[in-house]
Amino acid sequence: MRCASNDTAPKELAAVMNTGIHLVANFTWDDFVYWIELSDPKVMGTVVTSPVVQLDYHNWDMELSSVVRGMVDQFNLRFATPVDLKQKATIVHFVAGLIRATLLSPFISDEFVFAGFKMITDH
């Protein structure tokens, strides 16, 4: 993070934050309809250092996890309804007729992402 006392003052390095994030993303695509749900957000291993000021201990992992959890909740609320791409554009509806039964899902088999489709010529 770089900051300055005003817009014209040169910015100086105030703090450096290194962190890790864990997030489960369940994404499914079925017949040109997709939906996504995020869950289990965690921020971990956060280390904040500053060459300018002395920093006291702070539980950054807990604080940042709360922020990310709120973002994930808002994302899930916004994208709770599946999106049908066939309704968005006629060309997609045409392609969906050629490439039928498209599927991309992590829910078919544990620890695998299943992907497949049928062509118009398949029976």
N, C-alpha and C. Protein backbone atom coordinates (compact mmCIF):
# COMPACT_ATOMS: atom_id res chain seq x y z
N MET A 1 0.84 -1.17 0.00
CA MET A 1 0.00 0.00 0.00
C MET A 1 0.89 1.22 0.00
N ARG A 2 0.57 2.12 -0.88
CA ARG A 2 1.30 3.38 -0.94
C ARG A 2 0.33 4.50 -0.60
N CYS A 3 0.81 5.47 0.16
CA CYS A 3 -0.06 6.58 0.52
C CYS A 3 0.75 7.87 0.60
N ALA A 4 0.03 8.99 0.61
CA ALA A 4 0.63 10.31 0.72
C ALA A 4 -0.33 11.21 1.48
N SER A 5 0.20 12.31 2.00
CA SER A 5 -0.63 13.22 2.79
C SER A 5 -1.59 14.03 1.92
N ASN A 6 -1.26 14.20 0.63
CA ASN A 6 -2.16 14.90 -0.30
C ASN A 6 -1.89 14.40 -1.72
N ASP A 7 -2.61 14.96 -2.70
CA ASP A 7 -2.51 14.47 -4.08
C ASP A 7 -1.17 14.79 -4.75
N THR A 8 -0.49 15.85 -4.31
CA THR A 8 0.75 16.25 -4.97
C THR A 8 1.99 15.67 -4.29
N ALA A 9 1.87 15.24 -3.07
CA ALA A 9 3.03 14.69 -2.35
C ALA A 9 3.40 13.33 -2.94
N PRO A 10 4.71 13.03 -2.98
CA PRO A 10 5.10 11.71 -3.48
C PRO A 10 4.59 10.62 -2.53
N LYS A 11 4.14 9.54 -3.11
CA LYS A 11 3.61 8.44 -2.30
C LYS A 11 4.76 7.60 -1.78
N GLU A 12 4.61 7.15 -0.53
CA GLU A 12 5.61 6.28 0.08
C GLU A 12 4.97 4.96 0.46
N LEU A 13 5.81 3.94 0.53
CA LEU A 13 5.34 2.62 0.91
C LEU A 13 4.95 2.64 2.38
N ALA A 14 3.67 2.34 2.67
CA ALA A 14 3.18 2.36 4.04
C ALA A 14 3.13 0.97 4.64
N ALA A 15 2.70 -0.01 3.86
CA ALA A 15 2.58 -1.37 4.38
C ALA A 15 2.58 -2.37 3.22
N VAL A 16 3.05 -3.57 3.50
CA VAL A 16 3.02 -4.66 2.54
C VAL A 16 2.21 -5.78 3.16
N MET A 17 1.22 -6.28 2.40
CA MET A 17 0.36 -7.35 2.90
C MET A 17 0.50 -8.55 1.98
N ASN A 18 0.88 -9.69 2.55
CA ASN A 18 0.91 -10.96 1.83
C ASN A 18 -0.12 -11.87 2.47
N THR A 19 -0.94 -12.51 1.64
CA THR A 19 -2.00 -13.35 2.18
C THR A 19 -2.34 -14.47 1.22
N GLY A 20 -3.05 -15.44 1.73
CA GLY A 20 -3.54 -16.55 0.91
C GLY A 20 -5.05 -16.64 1.05
N ILE A 21 -5.70 -17.18 0.03
CA ILE A 21 -7.15 -17.31 0.08
C ILE A 21 -7.55 -18.69 -0.41
N HIS A 22 -8.56 -19.23 0.25
CA HIS A 22 -9.14 -20.52 -0.13
C HIS A 22 -10.61 -20.27 -0.41
N LEU A 23 -11.10 -20.81 -1.53
CA LEU A 23 -12.49 -20.60 -1.92
C LEU A 23 -12.95 -21.78 -2.76
N VAL A 24 -14.11 -22.31 -2.46
CA VAL A 24 -14.69 -23.40 -3.24
C VAL A 24 -15.67 -22.79 -4.24
N ALA A 25 -15.47 -23.10 -5.52
CA ALA A 25 -16.35 -22.59 -6.57
C ALA A 25 -17.04 -23.77 -7.24
N ASN A 26 -18.34 -23.83 -7.11
CA ASN A 26 -19.14 -24.85 -7.78
C ASN A 26 -19.76 -24.22 -9.01
N PHE A 27 -19.26 -24.62 -10.17
CA PHE A 27 -19.71 -24.08 -11.45
C PHE A 27 -20.29 -25.22 -12.27
N THR A 28 -21.48 -25.02 -12.79
CA THR A 28 -22.10 -26.04 -13.64
C THR A 28 -22.65 -25.38 -14.89
N TRP A 29 -22.42 -26.06 -16.01
CA TRP A 29 -22.92 -25.65 -17.32
C TRP A 29 -23.73 -26.81 -17.86
N ASP A 30 -25.01 -26.61 -18.13
CA ASP A 30 -25.86 -27.69 -18.62
C ASP A 30 -26.77 -27.15 -19.72
N ASP A 31 -26.56 -27.60 -20.94
CA ASP A 31 -27.36 -27.21 -22.10
C ASP A 31 -27.41 -25.69 -22.26
N PHE A 32 -26.24 -25.05 -22.20
CA PHE A 32 -26.07 -23.61 -22.37
C PHE A 32 -26.78 -22.81 -21.28
N VAL A 33 -27.01 -23.44 -20.15
CA VAL A 33 -27.49 -22.77 -18.94
C VAL A 33 -26.39 -22.95 -17.91
N TYR A 34 -25.95 -21.86 -17.29
CA TYR A 34 -24.89 -22.00 -16.29
C TYR A 34 -25.30 -21.35 -14.98
N TRP A 35 -24.69 -21.85 -13.92
CA TRP A 35 -24.86 -21.26 -12.60
C TRP A 35 -23.59 -21.53 -11.81
N ILE A 36 -23.37 -20.68 -10.83
CA ILE A 36 -22.16 -20.77 -10.02
C ILE A 36 -22.51 -20.42 -8.58
N GLU A 37 -21.86 -21.12 -7.67
CA GLU A 37 -22.02 -20.84 -6.24
C GLU A 37 -20.65 -20.91 -5.59
N LEU A 38 -20.31 -19.91 -4.84
CA LEU A 38 -19.05 -19.88 -4.11
C LEU A 38 -19.32 -20.21 -2.65
N SER A 39 -18.38 -20.90 -2.01
CA SER A 39 -18.57 -21.25 -0.60
C SER A 39 -17.22 -21.41 0.10
N ASP A 40 -17.29 -21.48 1.41
CA ASP A 40 -16.15 -21.76 2.28
C ASP A 40 -14.97 -20.81 2.06
N PRO A 41 -15.21 -19.47 2.05
CA PRO A 41 -14.09 -18.55 1.86
C PRO A 41 -13.24 -18.44 3.13
N LYS A 42 -11.95 -18.52 2.96
CA LYS A 42 -11.03 -18.37 4.09
C LYS A 42 -9.80 -17.60 3.63
N VAL A 43 -9.39 -16.66 4.43
CA VAL A 43 -8.12 -15.97 4.23
C VAL A 43 -7.17 -16.53 5.26
N MET A 44 -5.95 -16.86 4.83
CA MET A 44 -5.02 -17.50 5.76
C MET A 44 -3.58 -17.06 5.51
N GLY A 45 -2.81 -17.12 6.55
CA GLY A 45 -1.39 -16.82 6.47
C GLY A 45 -1.07 -15.37 6.16
N THR A 46 -1.90 -14.45 6.60
CA THR A 46 -1.68 -13.04 6.29
C THR A 46 -0.55 -12.47 7.13
N VAL A 47 0.38 -11.82 6.45
CA VAL A 47 1.50 -11.16 7.11
C VAL A 47 1.56 -9.72 6.59
N VAL A 48 1.52 -8.76 7.52
CA VAL A 48 1.58 -7.36 7.15
C VAL A 48 2.85 -6.77 7.76
N THR A 49 3.66 -6.12 6.93
CA THR A 49 4.88 -5.46 7.40
C THR A 49 4.89 -4.02 6.93
N SER A 50 5.60 -3.19 7.64
CA SER A 50 5.70 -1.79 7.28
C SER A 50 7.11 -1.27 7.55
N PRO A 51 7.72 -0.63 6.55
CA PRO A 51 9.02 -0.01 6.79
C PRO A 51 8.89 1.37 7.44
N VAL A 52 7.65 1.86 7.60
CA VAL A 52 7.42 3.22 8.06
C VAL A 52 7.01 3.28 9.52
N VAL A 53 6.10 2.40 9.94
CA VAL A 53 5.56 2.46 11.29
C VAL A 53 5.65 1.10 11.96
N GLN A 54 5.60 1.11 13.29
CA GLN A 54 5.55 -0.12 14.07
C GLN A 54 4.12 -0.64 14.05
N LEU A 55 3.93 -1.89 13.66
CA LEU A 55 2.60 -2.47 13.61
C LEU A 55 2.39 -3.39 14.80
N ASP A 56 1.25 -3.23 15.47
CA ASP A 56 0.89 -4.14 16.55
C ASP A 56 0.22 -5.37 15.96
N TYR A 57 0.09 -6.41 16.78
CA TYR A 57 -0.56 -7.64 16.32
C TYR A 57 -2.00 -7.37 15.97
N HIS A 58 -2.44 -7.97 14.88
CA HIS A 58 -3.83 -7.86 14.46
C HIS A 58 -4.20 -9.17 13.78
N ASN A 59 -5.39 -9.68 14.04
CA ASN A 59 -5.83 -10.94 13.44
C ASN A 59 -6.39 -10.65 12.04
N TRP A 60 -5.47 -10.45 11.08
CA TRP A 60 -5.86 -10.11 9.72
C TRP A 60 -6.65 -11.22 9.06
N ASP A 61 -6.31 -12.47 9.35
CA ASP A 61 -7.02 -13.60 8.74
C ASP A 61 -8.51 -13.55 9.06
N MET A 62 -8.84 -13.31 10.31
CA MET A 62 -10.24 -13.24 10.72
C MET A 62 -10.94 -12.05 10.07
N GLU A 63 -10.30 -10.89 10.10
CA GLU A 63 -10.90 -9.68 9.54
C GLU A 63 -11.13 -9.81 8.03
N LEU A 64 -10.11 -10.27 7.32
CA LEU A 64 -10.23 -10.39 5.87
C LEU A 64 -11.18 -11.52 5.48
N SER A 65 -11.24 -12.58 6.28
CA SER A 65 -12.20 -13.66 6.01
C SER A 65 -13.62 -13.13 6.12
N SER A 66 -13.88 -12.25 7.07
CA SER A 66 -15.21 -11.65 7.20
C SER A 66 -15.55 -10.81 5.98
N VAL A 67 -14.59 -10.07 5.48
CA VAL A 67 -14.81 -9.24 4.29
C VAL A 67 -15.09 -10.13 3.08
N VAL A 68 -14.27 -11.15 2.89
CA VAL A 68 -14.44 -12.05 1.74
C VAL A 68 -15.76 -12.82 1.86
N ARG A 69 -16.14 -13.22 3.06
CA ARG A 69 -17.40 -13.92 3.27
C ARG A 69 -18.58 -13.04 2.84
N GLY A 70 -18.52 -11.76 3.18
CA GLY A 70 -19.56 -10.83 2.75
C GLY A 70 -19.61 -10.69 1.24
N MET A 71 -18.45 -10.65 0.60
CA MET A 71 -18.39 -10.56 -0.86
C MET A 71 -18.97 -11.82 -1.50
N VAL A 72 -18.65 -12.98 -0.94
CA VAL A 72 -19.16 -14.25 -1.46
C VAL A 72 -20.67 -14.31 -1.30
N ASP A 73 -21.19 -13.87 -0.17
CA ASP A 73 -22.65 -13.85 0.04
C ASP A 73 -23.33 -12.96 -1.00
N GLN A 74 -22.77 -11.78 -1.24
CA GLN A 74 -23.35 -10.87 -2.25
C GLN A 74 -23.29 -11.49 -3.65
N PHE A 75 -22.17 -12.14 -3.97
CA PHE A 75 -22.02 -12.80 -5.26
C PHE A 75 -23.09 -13.88 -5.43
N ASN A 76 -23.25 -14.72 -4.40
CA ASN A 76 -24.22 -15.81 -4.47
C ASN A 76 -25.65 -15.28 -4.60
N LEU A 77 -25.97 -14.19 -3.92
CA LEU A 77 -27.30 -13.60 -4.05
C LEU A 77 -27.53 -13.05 -5.45
N ARG A 78 -26.50 -12.42 -6.00
CA ARG A 78 -26.63 -11.81 -7.33
C ARG A 78 -26.77 -12.86 -8.42
N PHE A 79 -26.06 -13.99 -8.28
CA PHE A 79 -26.06 -15.01 -9.32
C PHE A 79 -26.79 -16.28 -8.89
N ALA A 80 -27.80 -16.15 -8.05
CA ALA A 80 -28.55 -17.31 -7.56
C ALA A 80 -29.40 -17.95 -8.66
N THR A 81 -29.86 -17.16 -9.61
CA THR A 81 -30.70 -17.67 -10.69
C THR A 81 -29.82 -18.14 -11.85
N PRO A 82 -30.04 -19.36 -12.34
CA PRO A 82 -29.26 -19.83 -13.49
C PRO A 82 -29.45 -18.91 -14.70
N VAL A 83 -28.41 -18.77 -15.51
CA VAL A 83 -28.44 -17.92 -16.69
C VAL A 83 -28.56 -18.81 -17.93
N ASP A 84 -29.60 -18.60 -18.70
CA ASP A 84 -29.83 -19.35 -19.93
C ASP A 84 -29.32 -18.52 -21.11
N LEU A 85 -28.16 -18.93 -21.64
CA LEU A 85 -27.56 -18.17 -22.74
C LEU A 85 -28.37 -18.26 -24.02
N LYS A 86 -29.18 -19.29 -24.16
CA LYS A 86 -30.03 -19.42 -25.35
C LYS A 86 -31.04 -18.28 -25.43
N GLN A 87 -31.42 -17.75 -24.29
CA GLN A 87 -32.38 -16.63 -24.26
C GLN A 87 -31.70 -15.29 -24.53
N LYS A 88 -30.37 -15.26 -24.44
CA LYS A 88 -29.63 -14.01 -24.59
C LYS A 88 -29.34 -13.67 -26.04
N ALA A 89 -29.11 -14.70 -26.88
CA ALA A 89 -28.75 -14.44 -28.28
C ALA A 89 -29.24 -15.58 -29.16
N THR A 90 -29.76 -15.23 -30.33
CA THR A 90 -30.28 -16.26 -31.23
C THR A 90 -29.18 -17.16 -31.77
N ILE A 91 -27.98 -16.64 -31.95
CA ILE A 91 -26.88 -17.49 -32.45
C ILE A 91 -26.54 -18.57 -31.43
N VAL A 92 -26.62 -18.25 -30.15
CA VAL A 92 -26.37 -19.25 -29.11
C VAL A 92 -27.46 -20.32 -29.15
N HIS A 93 -28.69 -19.91 -29.38
CA HIS A 93 -29.79 -20.87 -29.49
C HIS A 93 -29.55 -21.80 -30.67
N PHE A 94 -29.06 -21.27 -31.78
CA PHE A 94 -28.74 -22.08 -32.96
C PHE A 94 -27.62 -23.08 -32.64
N VAL A 95 -26.54 -22.60 -32.02
CA VAL A 95 -25.40 -23.47 -31.66
C VAL A 95 -25.85 -24.54 -30.66
N ALA A 96 -26.73 -24.19 -29.73
CA ALA A 96 -27.23 -25.16 -28.76
C ALA A 96 -28.00 -26.28 -29.44
N GLY A 97 -28.61 -26.00 -30.59
CA GLY A 97 -29.28 -27.03 -31.35
C GLY A 97 -28.30 -27.97 -32.04
N LEU A 98 -27.13 -27.46 -32.41
CA LEU A 98 -26.10 -28.28 -33.05
C LEU A 98 -25.31 -29.10 -32.04
N ILE A 99 -24.98 -28.48 -30.94
CA ILE A 99 -24.19 -29.15 -29.88
C ILE A 99 -25.13 -29.32 -28.70
N ARG A 100 -25.83 -30.44 -28.69
CA ARG A 100 -26.87 -30.66 -27.68
C ARG A 100 -26.30 -31.33 -26.43
N ALA A 101 -27.04 -31.23 -25.38
CA ALA A 101 -26.73 -31.90 -24.11
C ALA A 101 -25.33 -31.57 -23.61
N THR A 102 -24.94 -30.30 -23.73
CA THR A 102 -23.64 -29.91 -23.19
C THR A 102 -23.68 -29.99 -21.67
N LEU A 103 -22.58 -30.42 -21.08
CA LEU A 103 -22.52 -30.53 -19.63
C LEU A 103 -21.09 -30.33 -19.16
N LEU A 104 -20.92 -29.48 -18.17
CA LEU A 104 -19.65 -29.28 -17.49
C LEU A 104 -20.00 -29.15 -16.02
N SER A 105 -19.62 -30.16 -15.22
CA SER A 105 -20.07 -30.17 -13.83
C SER A 105 -19.10 -30.93 -12.93
N PRO A 106 -18.88 -30.43 -11.72
CA PRO A 106 -18.07 -31.17 -10.74
C PRO A 106 -18.91 -32.15 -9.92
N PHE A 107 -20.22 -32.24 -10.19
CA PHE A 107 -21.12 -33.03 -9.37
C PHE A 107 -21.39 -34.43 -9.89
N ILE A 108 -20.83 -34.80 -11.03
CA ILE A 108 -21.06 -36.11 -11.61
C ILE A 108 -20.23 -37.18 -10.92
N SER A 109 -18.95 -36.88 -10.69
CA SER A 109 -18.03 -37.83 -10.06
C SER A 109 -17.11 -37.08 -9.11
N ASP A 110 -16.88 -37.64 -7.92
CA ASP A 110 -16.02 -36.98 -6.94
C ASP A 110 -14.61 -36.77 -7.48
N GLU A 111 -14.06 -35.59 -7.21
CA GLU A 111 -12.70 -35.20 -7.54
C GLU A 111 -12.44 -35.08 -9.04
N PHE A 112 -13.49 -34.99 -9.85
CA PHE A 112 -13.34 -34.82 -11.28
C PHE A 112 -14.33 -33.78 -11.78
N VAL A 113 -13.98 -33.11 -12.86
CA VAL A 113 -14.91 -32.23 -13.55
C VAL A 113 -15.32 -32.97 -14.82
N PHE A 114 -16.60 -33.24 -14.95
CA PHE A 114 -17.13 -33.95 -16.10
C PHE A 114 -17.51 -32.95 -17.18
N ALA A 115 -17.12 -33.24 -18.43
CA ALA A 115 -17.49 -32.39 -19.55
C ALA A 115 -17.89 -33.27 -20.72
N GLY A 116 -18.95 -32.90 -21.40
CA GLY A 116 -19.37 -33.67 -22.56
C GLY A 116 -20.48 -32.96 -23.33
N PHE A 117 -20.75 -33.48 -24.52
CA PHE A 117 -21.82 -32.96 -25.35
C PHE A 117 -22.15 -33.99 -26.42
N LYS A 118 -23.30 -33.76 -27.10
CA LYS A 118 -23.70 -34.58 -28.23
C LYS A 118 -23.78 -33.67 -29.45
N MET A 119 -23.31 -34.19 -30.57
CA MET A 119 -23.44 -33.43 -31.82
C MET A 119 -24.82 -33.71 -32.42
N ILE A 120 -25.22 -32.88 -33.33
CA ILE A 120 -26.52 -33.03 -33.98
C ILE A 120 -26.60 -34.36 -34.73
N THR A 121 -25.45 -34.88 -35.16
CA THR A 121 -25.42 -36.15 -35.92
C THR A 121 -25.44 -37.37 -35.02
N ASP A 122 -25.25 -37.20 -33.71
CA ASP A 122 -25.27 -38.34 -32.78
C ASP A 122 -26.70 -38.78 -32.53
N HIS A 123 -26.87 -40.08 -32.30
CA HIS A 123 -28.22 -40.61 -32.01
C HIS A 123 -28.30 -41.08 -30.59
